[in-house]
Protein backbone atom coordinates (compact mmCIF):
# COMPACT_ATOMS: atom_id res chain seq x y z
CA MET A 1 271.55 33.71 -173.75
CA ASP A 2 267.81 33.26 -174.13
CA LYS A 3 267.17 36.46 -176.10
CA ILE A 4 266.77 37.30 -179.79
CA SER A 5 266.96 40.49 -181.82
CA PRO A 6 264.08 42.11 -183.74
CA GLY A 7 265.65 40.94 -187.00
CA HIS A 8 265.17 37.33 -186.00
CA LEU A 9 261.42 37.91 -185.88
CA ILE A 10 261.43 38.19 -189.70
CA PHE A 11 262.52 34.55 -190.00
CA LEU A 12 260.11 33.35 -187.32
CA ILE A 13 257.22 35.04 -189.15
CA LEU A 14 258.19 33.40 -192.43
CA GLY A 15 258.79 30.06 -190.72
CA VAL A 16 255.23 29.71 -189.42
CA SER A 17 253.29 31.45 -192.21
CA ILE A 18 254.64 30.40 -195.59
CA VAL A 19 254.05 26.70 -195.89
CA SER A 20 250.31 26.16 -195.23
CA ILE A 21 248.93 28.39 -198.01
CA LYS A 22 251.55 27.12 -200.47
CA THR A 23 251.16 23.41 -199.76
CA TYR A 24 247.41 22.77 -199.75
CA PRO A 25 245.66 25.71 -201.50
CA ARG A 26 242.91 23.36 -202.64
CA VAL A 27 240.98 24.04 -199.42
CA PHE A 28 240.35 27.68 -200.33
CA ILE A 29 240.68 27.54 -204.15
CA ALA A 30 237.65 25.21 -204.10
CA ASN A 31 235.64 28.19 -202.80
CA GLY A 32 237.31 31.15 -204.49
CA LEU A 33 238.11 29.49 -207.86
CA ARG A 34 239.33 32.09 -210.37
CA ASP A 35 238.90 34.92 -207.87
CA THR A 36 241.08 33.23 -205.26
CA TRP A 37 244.08 35.43 -206.04
CA VAL A 38 241.94 38.51 -205.25
CA ALA A 39 240.86 36.87 -201.98
CA VAL A 40 244.50 36.26 -201.08
CA ILE A 41 245.33 39.95 -201.74
CA ILE A 42 242.46 41.07 -199.52
CA SER A 43 243.37 38.69 -196.69
CA SER A 44 247.02 39.79 -197.06
CA ILE A 45 246.01 43.42 -196.48
CA ILE A 46 243.92 42.44 -193.46
CA ILE A 47 246.68 40.34 -191.88
CA PHE A 48 249.19 43.11 -192.51
CA ALA A 49 247.05 45.65 -190.68
CA PHE A 50 246.20 43.11 -187.97
CA PHE A 51 249.76 42.18 -187.03
CA ILE A 52 251.17 45.73 -187.31
CA TYR A 53 248.42 46.88 -184.93
CA ILE A 54 249.28 44.07 -182.49
CA MET A 55 252.97 44.95 -182.62
CA ILE A 56 252.28 48.64 -182.04
CA VAL A 57 250.13 47.83 -179.01
CA TRP A 58 252.76 45.38 -177.73
CA LYS A 59 255.56 47.88 -178.16
CA ASN A 60 253.66 50.65 -176.37
CA SER A 61 252.65 48.34 -173.52
CA ASP A 62 254.70 48.14 -170.33
CA GLU A 63 254.07 44.40 -170.16
CA LYS A 64 255.84 42.30 -172.85
CA ASN A 65 254.78 38.85 -171.74
CA MET A 66 251.87 37.36 -173.73
CA ILE A 67 250.31 35.63 -170.71
CA LYS A 68 250.34 38.80 -168.63
CA LEU A 69 248.81 40.74 -171.50
CA TYR A 70 245.98 38.26 -171.86
CA GLN A 71 245.38 38.21 -168.10
CA GLY A 72 245.52 41.98 -167.87
CA ALA A 73 243.05 42.37 -170.72
CA VAL A 74 240.29 39.94 -169.71
CA GLY A 75 241.14 38.87 -166.19
CA GLU A 76 243.33 36.09 -164.85
CA LYS A 77 240.84 33.22 -165.12
CA PHE A 78 239.45 34.03 -168.58
CA GLY A 79 242.92 34.98 -169.74
CA ASN A 80 244.17 31.54 -168.74
CA VAL A 81 241.26 29.97 -170.68
CA LEU A 82 242.25 31.91 -173.81
CA ILE A 83 245.90 30.93 -173.34
CA GLY A 84 244.74 27.32 -173.05
CA LEU A 85 242.89 27.62 -176.35
CA PHE A 86 246.00 29.18 -177.88
CA VAL A 87 248.14 26.22 -176.68
CA LEU A 88 245.52 23.76 -177.95
CA THR A 89 245.66 25.41 -181.38
CA LEU A 90 249.46 25.16 -181.30
CA PHE A 91 249.08 21.46 -180.58
CA ILE A 92 246.69 21.08 -183.52
CA THR A 93 249.25 22.95 -185.63
CA LEU A 94 251.83 20.30 -184.72
CA ILE A 95 249.43 17.65 -185.98
CA GLU A 96 248.84 19.66 -189.15
CA SER A 97 252.58 19.95 -189.81
CA ALA A 98 253.34 16.27 -189.34
CA SER A 99 250.22 15.00 -191.13
CA VAL A 100 250.51 17.16 -194.21
CA GLU A 101 254.20 16.48 -194.60
CA ALA A 102 253.64 12.71 -194.44
CA ASP A 103 250.57 12.72 -196.68
CA SER A 104 252.08 15.02 -199.35
CA MET A 105 255.31 13.03 -199.60
CA ASN A 106 253.41 9.75 -199.72
CA GLN A 107 250.99 10.93 -202.44
CA VAL A 108 253.36 12.68 -204.79
CA MET A 109 256.93 11.64 -204.14
CA LEU A 110 257.52 8.23 -202.58
CA ILE A 111 254.20 6.41 -202.80
CA GLU A 112 255.43 3.03 -201.51
CA VAL A 113 256.83 4.46 -198.29
CA PRO A 114 254.19 4.18 -195.53
CA LYS A 115 253.05 7.38 -193.81
CA TRP A 116 254.02 6.21 -190.34
CA TYR A 117 257.60 6.01 -191.60
CA TYR A 118 257.51 9.67 -192.65
CA LEU A 119 256.02 10.57 -189.28
CA LEU A 120 258.74 8.81 -187.34
CA PHE A 121 261.53 10.53 -189.29
CA PHE A 122 259.76 13.87 -188.84
CA ILE A 123 258.73 13.85 -185.19
CA VAL A 124 261.62 11.96 -183.58
CA PRO A 125 264.41 14.20 -184.92
CA ALA A 126 262.30 17.24 -183.94
CA ILE A 127 262.43 16.06 -180.31
CA PHE A 128 266.19 16.44 -180.29
CA ILE A 129 266.03 19.93 -181.78
CA VAL A 130 263.17 21.33 -179.70
CA ARG A 131 264.93 20.33 -176.47
CA LYS A 132 267.69 22.79 -177.31
CA ASN A 133 267.52 26.49 -176.49
CA LEU A 134 265.85 29.36 -178.32
CA ILE A 135 268.99 30.29 -180.21
CA ALA A 136 269.14 26.83 -181.77
CA ILE A 137 265.56 27.18 -183.03
CA VAL A 138 266.30 30.62 -184.48
CA ILE A 139 269.51 29.54 -186.23
CA ILE A 140 267.80 26.52 -187.83
CA THR A 141 264.92 28.77 -188.89
CA MET A 142 267.29 31.35 -190.44
CA ILE A 143 269.20 28.69 -192.41
CA GLY A 144 266.01 26.92 -193.51
CA ILE A 145 264.18 30.09 -194.61
CA THR A 146 267.24 31.25 -196.58
CA PHE A 147 267.38 28.01 -198.58
CA ILE A 148 263.58 27.92 -198.99
CA MET A 149 263.57 31.42 -200.45
CA ILE A 150 266.42 30.63 -202.84
CA ALA A 151 264.60 27.46 -203.96
CA GLY A 152 261.34 29.42 -204.38
CA ILE A 153 262.98 32.04 -206.58
CA ASN A 154 264.59 29.41 -208.77
CA LEU A 155 261.36 27.44 -208.98
CA GLY A 156 259.42 30.53 -209.97
CA ILE A 157 261.82 31.19 -212.82
CA LEU A 158 261.82 27.56 -214.01
CA THR A 159 258.01 27.32 -214.12
CA THR A 160 257.38 30.68 -215.81
CA LYS A 161 256.96 29.26 -219.28
CA TYR A 162 254.20 26.90 -218.10
CA LYS A 163 251.97 29.70 -216.80
CA ASP A 164 249.16 31.49 -218.64
CA ALA A 165 248.10 34.77 -217.04
CA SER A 166 244.81 34.80 -218.92
CA MET A 167 243.57 32.14 -216.46
CA LEU A 168 243.17 34.88 -213.85
CA PHE A 169 240.51 36.70 -215.83
CA PRO A 170 237.69 37.67 -215.95
CA VAL A 171 237.61 38.73 -212.30
CA PHE A 172 234.26 38.46 -210.49
CA GLU A 173 232.61 36.82 -213.47
CA ASN A 174 229.69 35.79 -211.22
CA GLY A 175 229.95 38.74 -208.88
CA ILE A 176 231.06 38.60 -205.27
CA THR A 177 229.95 35.14 -204.20
CA SER A 178 229.76 33.44 -200.82
CA GLY A 179 232.65 31.21 -201.95
CA PHE A 180 234.78 34.33 -202.45
CA ILE A 181 234.02 35.51 -198.90
CA LEU A 182 234.86 32.05 -197.54
CA ALA A 183 238.17 32.09 -199.43
CA ILE A 184 239.07 35.37 -197.72
CA LEU A 185 238.23 33.96 -194.29
CA GLU A 186 240.09 30.70 -194.93
CA THR A 187 243.26 32.32 -196.20
CA LEU A 188 243.06 34.79 -193.34
CA GLY A 189 242.89 31.83 -190.96
CA LEU A 190 245.98 30.25 -192.48
CA TYR A 191 247.73 33.62 -192.44
CA GLY A 192 246.79 33.75 -188.76
CA CYS A 193 249.56 31.25 -187.96
CA ILE A 194 251.70 34.36 -187.76
CA SER A 195 250.35 34.68 -184.19
CA ILE A 196 252.44 31.63 -183.27
CA THR A 197 255.28 34.13 -182.87
CA LEU A 198 253.46 35.97 -180.04
CA PRO A 199 255.05 33.90 -177.21
CA TYR A 200 258.47 34.83 -178.68
CA LEU A 201 257.86 38.57 -178.20
CA SER A 202 258.95 38.49 -174.58
CA LYS A 203 262.34 37.13 -175.74
CA ILE A 204 263.07 40.08 -178.05
CA GLN A 205 265.57 42.78 -177.14
CA ASP A 206 264.29 45.89 -178.93
CA ARG A 207 267.07 48.26 -177.92
CA ARG A 208 266.98 50.31 -181.13
CA GLY A 209 263.22 50.29 -181.54
CA THR A 210 263.38 48.56 -184.93
CA ILE A 211 260.87 45.83 -184.31
CA ILE A 212 258.03 47.45 -186.27
CA ARG A 213 260.28 47.95 -189.28
CA ASN A 214 261.43 44.31 -189.15
CA VAL A 215 257.86 43.06 -188.86
CA ILE A 216 256.89 45.13 -191.92
CA ILE A 217 259.78 43.61 -193.88
CA GLY A 218 258.75 40.09 -192.86
CA LEU A 219 255.11 40.67 -193.76
CA ILE A 220 255.94 42.14 -197.15
CA ILE A 221 258.16 39.15 -198.00
CA LEU A 222 255.48 36.76 -196.79
CA ILE A 223 252.62 38.43 -198.68
CA GLN A 224 254.37 38.63 -202.02
CA MET A 225 255.39 34.93 -201.73
CA GLU A 226 251.82 33.81 -201.06
CA ILE A 227 250.29 35.96 -203.81
CA MET A 228 252.86 34.76 -206.33
CA SER A 229 252.35 31.15 -205.25
CA THR A 230 248.56 31.32 -205.56
CA THR A 231 248.59 33.07 -208.94
CA GLY A 232 251.26 30.63 -210.14
CA ILE A 233 249.03 27.64 -209.33
CA LEU A 234 245.95 29.20 -210.94
CA THR A 235 247.82 30.11 -214.13
CA THR A 236 249.46 26.67 -214.39
CA PHE A 237 246.49 24.33 -213.83
CA THR A 238 243.42 26.58 -214.33
CA PRO A 239 241.28 27.35 -211.26
CA PHE A 240 238.92 24.40 -211.72
CA ARG A 241 241.73 21.89 -212.09
CA ALA A 242 243.66 23.36 -209.16
CA ALA A 243 240.56 22.94 -206.94
CA THR A 244 240.79 19.16 -207.45
CA LEU A 245 244.50 18.74 -206.68
CA ASN A 246 245.55 18.03 -203.11
CA TYR A 247 249.10 19.36 -203.47
CA PRO A 248 249.33 21.33 -206.76
CA LYS A 249 252.70 22.86 -205.90
CA LEU A 250 254.28 19.41 -205.86
CA LEU A 251 252.73 18.55 -209.23
CA GLN A 252 253.68 21.92 -210.69
CA THR A 253 257.37 21.22 -210.23
CA GLN A 254 257.12 17.99 -212.23
CA LEU A 255 256.56 20.10 -215.34
CA VAL A 256 260.11 21.44 -215.14
CA SER A 257 262.20 19.75 -217.80
CA TYR A 258 265.05 21.11 -219.93
CA TYR A 259 266.59 19.21 -222.85
CA GLN A 260 264.73 16.09 -221.60
CA TYR A 261 267.53 15.66 -219.11
CA PHE A 262 267.30 18.24 -216.31
CA ASP A 263 264.25 17.13 -214.31
CA PHE A 264 265.03 18.55 -210.91
CA GLY A 265 261.92 20.54 -209.94
CA GLU A 266 261.08 18.01 -207.24
CA LEU A 267 264.37 18.76 -205.47
CA TYR A 268 263.31 22.37 -204.90
CA VAL A 269 259.84 21.56 -203.71
CA MET A 270 261.04 18.79 -201.38
CA LEU A 271 263.26 21.39 -199.72
CA GLN A 272 260.35 23.81 -199.48
CA ILE A 273 257.77 21.28 -198.24
CA VAL A 274 259.82 19.10 -195.90
CA GLY A 275 261.98 21.96 -194.63
CA GLY A 276 259.04 24.36 -194.37
CA TRP A 277 256.86 21.98 -192.36
CA LEU A 278 259.74 21.09 -190.04
CA LEU A 279 260.36 24.77 -189.31
CA LYS A 280 256.69 25.39 -188.56
CA TYR A 281 256.62 22.36 -186.32
CA LEU A 282 259.71 23.40 -184.36
CA ILE A 283 258.63 27.04 -183.92
CA SER A 284 255.11 25.98 -182.82
CA PHE A 285 256.46 23.35 -180.44
CA PHE A 286 258.94 25.74 -178.84
CA ALA A 287 256.16 28.35 -178.48
CA ILE A 288 254.29 25.84 -176.31
CA LEU A 289 257.42 25.35 -174.17
CA ILE A 290 257.84 29.12 -173.78
CA ILE A 291 254.29 29.35 -172.45
CA PHE A 292 254.91 26.44 -170.08
CA ARG A 293 258.03 28.18 -168.75
CA ASN A 294 256.06 31.40 -168.25
CA TYR A 295 253.76 29.39 -165.97
CA ASN A 296 256.86 28.40 -163.97
CA MET A 297 256.80 24.76 -165.04
CA SER A 298 259.96 23.02 -163.86
CA LYS A 299 262.68 21.93 -166.29
CA LYS A 300 262.01 18.29 -165.42
CA HIS A 301 258.28 18.61 -166.25
CA ILE A 302 259.07 20.43 -169.49
CA GLU A 303 261.35 17.55 -170.52
CA TYR A 304 258.50 15.12 -169.82
CA SER A 305 256.05 17.32 -171.73
CA VAL A 306 258.24 17.24 -174.85
CA PHE A 307 258.00 13.42 -175.04
CA ILE A 308 254.33 13.34 -174.09
CA ILE A 309 253.35 15.97 -176.69
CA SER A 310 255.48 14.24 -179.35
CA SER A 311 253.82 10.90 -178.63
CA LEU A 312 250.34 12.41 -178.80
CA VAL A 313 251.22 14.18 -182.07
CA LEU A 314 252.54 10.94 -183.55
CA VAL A 315 249.34 9.04 -182.74
CA ALA A 316 247.00 11.86 -183.81
CA SER A 317 248.95 12.52 -187.02
CA TYR A 318 248.89 8.85 -187.96
CA TYR A 319 245.11 8.70 -187.71
CA ALA A 320 244.64 12.08 -189.37
CA SER A 321 246.84 11.24 -192.36
CA ARG A 322 245.64 7.67 -192.94
CA ASN A 323 242.96 8.90 -195.30
CA SER A 324 243.61 12.00 -197.45
CA LEU A 325 239.88 12.80 -197.67
CA LEU A 326 239.66 12.84 -193.88
CA LEU A 327 242.81 14.92 -193.63
CA PHE A 328 241.45 17.61 -195.93
CA ASP A 329 238.17 17.67 -194.04
CA LEU A 330 240.20 18.33 -190.89
CA LEU A 331 242.27 21.00 -192.66
CA ASN A 332 239.04 22.77 -193.62
CA ILE A 333 238.12 22.89 -189.93
CA TYR A 334 241.66 23.86 -188.96
CA GLN A 335 241.45 27.07 -191.01
CA TYR A 336 238.54 28.32 -188.93
CA ILE A 337 240.16 27.25 -185.65
CA CYS A 338 243.16 29.40 -186.62
CA LEU A 339 240.89 32.25 -187.66
CA PHE A 340 239.34 32.28 -184.18
CA ASN A 341 242.32 31.55 -181.91
CA PHE A 342 245.11 33.13 -183.96
CA VAL A 343 243.29 36.17 -185.40
CA LEU A 344 240.02 37.10 -183.70
CA VAL A 345 241.04 36.36 -180.10
CA PRO A 346 244.47 38.10 -180.27
CA PHE A 347 242.86 41.09 -181.95
CA MET A 348 240.23 41.29 -179.23
CA VAL A 349 242.82 40.94 -176.44
CA PHE A 350 245.25 43.51 -177.83
CA ALA A 351 242.39 45.90 -178.61
CA ILE A 352 241.33 45.70 -174.96
CA VAL A 353 244.93 46.24 -173.87
CA ASP A 354 245.12 49.26 -176.13
CA VAL A 355 241.88 50.76 -174.79
CA LYS A 356 242.84 50.13 -171.18
CA SER A 357 246.31 51.60 -171.63
CA ARG A 358 244.81 54.73 -173.24
CA LEU A 359 242.41 55.06 -170.28
CA ASN A 360 245.23 54.27 -167.80
CA ILE A 361 243.33 51.25 -166.47
CA LEU A 362 246.20 48.77 -166.76
CA PRO A 363 248.60 48.91 -163.78
CA ASP A 364 252.17 49.67 -164.71
CA LYS A 365 255.19 47.68 -163.61
CA ASP A 366 255.98 50.00 -160.68
CA ASP A 367 252.48 49.48 -159.27
CA LYS A 368 252.83 45.74 -159.60
CA THR A 369 256.19 45.84 -157.82
CA GLU A 370 254.79 47.89 -154.94
CA GLN A 371 251.83 45.54 -154.62
CA SER A 372 254.05 42.48 -154.54
CA THR A 373 256.29 43.98 -151.85
């Protein structure tokens, strides 16, 4: 059965949204510095309002398919262009997932292992999983998020004694700077990966009308995790030191040591980083396949597309991750791509859908059925 419940959306939201902000916060801490935690709180409030609004519009709309909503809002041709940009951003997200996983493991964990080796053992197994059905993706996501959350709670407790809350103050020492505004936009862009779940909305059976409640639960869990992660990094390394570290979360865990014997912080973070990036990769990849199926692509062509996309991701990820400086330059650009295609464009589309539905401009399903017959 190719359907999921509203409760599953909680895990999909967490699967695509947690890992980016936690893994490479350097890209926005470099702008926000000490005030970054305030920027994350502001962007969290914005993304909360943004996605709840989208879900309310989606729930009240007669049409549940993302492609039909885009086409109904801005016309078929322009809607297809926006869907194409959305798919392109999903593809870039696949490159982000594979590249950051390979680069982070190579830099901090197993330095002598080449990056192409990480990429092979990341992308090739994902081909097997993504060729399964939707239920397989959801089950893997549920199991992975459960273990990631348990690891995160334990890691937060183990690193408490290494944090100094005074590092967060004074707030706005230099006033509201342009760097602070950029930090808000950049974290909002990374938060925008939550829109990767939009193609999954047509697969949800909302019989009890609980989808809004489940989305709120997922967003609250996500927001508190990101705020705690950002403040934890700032209070461990100081803002200026954190702005120079590519993967501060991985280094933070190396501080954990009890009785000079229990040094197992890396185990937790490897589960979070490797598992988290794999989940984001799988959910993003399957979102592309859902869109392809909605355009009536045959099963045979979808099978071919899985191997073609995986090959392209492998090549692009190899070149993107060869040089860490280049990778972080690309990640800086990626934030703004997500801000546009995952936040601004969906907000525009769903706002138009909302206005048209209020003015009774959008045709309902009965009208479409009569026209087709």
